[in-house]
Protein backbone atom coordinates (compact mmCIF):
# COMPACT_ATOMS: atom_id res chain seq x y z
CA MET A 1 3.99 -6.05 11.84
CA ILE A 2 3.08 -7.09 15.17
CA GLY A 3 -0.32 -8.59 14.16
CA ARG A 4 -2.53 -6.38 15.87
CA LYS A 5 -3.61 -2.79 16.26
CA ILE A 6 -1.96 -0.43 18.80
CA GLU A 7 -3.52 2.53 20.01
CA ILE A 8 -1.12 5.74 19.98
CA VAL A 9 -1.61 7.95 23.21
CA VAL A 10 -0.33 11.48 22.99
CA ASP A 11 0.59 13.01 26.61
CA PRO A 12 -0.68 16.62 26.27
CA ALA A 13 2.04 17.55 28.75
CA ARG A 14 4.69 16.73 25.82
CA ILE A 15 2.98 18.55 23.23
CA ARG A 16 5.22 21.40 22.06
CA PRO A 17 3.81 24.91 22.53
CA GLU A 18 2.82 26.97 19.36
CA ASN A 19 5.83 28.57 17.64
CA SER A 20 8.62 26.64 19.81
CA GLU A 21 11.09 25.04 17.97
CA VAL A 22 9.86 22.29 15.76
CA LEU A 23 6.49 20.21 15.63
CA ARG A 24 8.09 17.04 13.96
CA LEU A 25 11.67 15.81 14.01
CA ARG A 26 12.74 13.60 10.78
CA ALA A 27 15.79 11.36 10.77
CA ASP A 28 17.74 11.95 7.23
CA SER A 29 21.01 9.87 6.84
CA ARG A 30 22.23 11.82 3.83
CA ARG A 31 24.67 13.69 5.47
CA ALA A 32 26.23 10.48 7.49
CA GLU A 33 26.59 9.23 3.85
CA ARG A 34 28.12 12.31 2.36
CA VAL A 35 30.58 13.00 5.57
CA LEU A 36 31.22 9.62 7.02
CA GLY A 37 30.76 7.37 3.64
CA TRP A 38 28.10 5.48 5.78
CA SER A 39 24.72 4.08 4.28
CA PRO A 40 22.10 1.65 5.64
CA ARG A 41 22.56 -1.88 4.70
CA VAL A 42 18.76 -2.66 5.08
CA GLY A 43 15.70 -0.51 4.15
CA LEU A 44 13.22 0.54 6.97
CA LEU A 45 10.98 -2.05 6.52
CA GLU A 46 13.25 -4.95 6.75
CA GLY A 47 14.83 -3.23 9.72
CA LEU A 48 11.64 -3.12 11.47
CA SER A 49 10.63 -6.58 10.82
CA ARG A 50 14.03 -7.71 12.12
CA THR A 51 13.56 -5.66 15.31
CA VAL A 52 10.08 -7.19 15.55
CA ALA A 53 11.44 -10.76 15.25
CA TRP A 54 14.46 -10.03 17.63
CA MET A 55 11.86 -8.91 20.20
CA ARG A 56 9.70 -11.67 19.90
CA ASP A 57 12.44 -14.06 20.23
CA ARG A 58 13.16 -12.20 23.62
CA ARG A 59 9.71 -11.59 24.81
CA ARG A 60 10.51 -12.75 28.11
CA ASP A 61 13.05 -10.32 28.63
CA TYR A 62 10.37 -7.61 28.46
CA GLU A 63 7.70 -8.86 30.50
CA ALA A 64 6.39 -7.04 33.12
CA GLY A 65 8.12 -7.64 36.67
CA VAL A 66 11.14 -9.72 34.76
CA TYR A 67 12.71 -6.81 32.95
CA ALA A 68 15.87 -5.71 34.80
CA VAL A 69 18.53 -3.12 33.96
């Protein structure tokens, strides 16, 4: 979606030890739909595409040395 390959780097210090909690976390909106009546208005790919477009439009806000909280 961003037009280039990225490398995913795993920090060994952040890997969970074996048999501790969970290895992967997944989001599931079914409970929010059941309890709150909420459901997403866009799918995952469209949402990611919108996010990429939004960030491209604001690229300067994320440049090194420019971003301020």
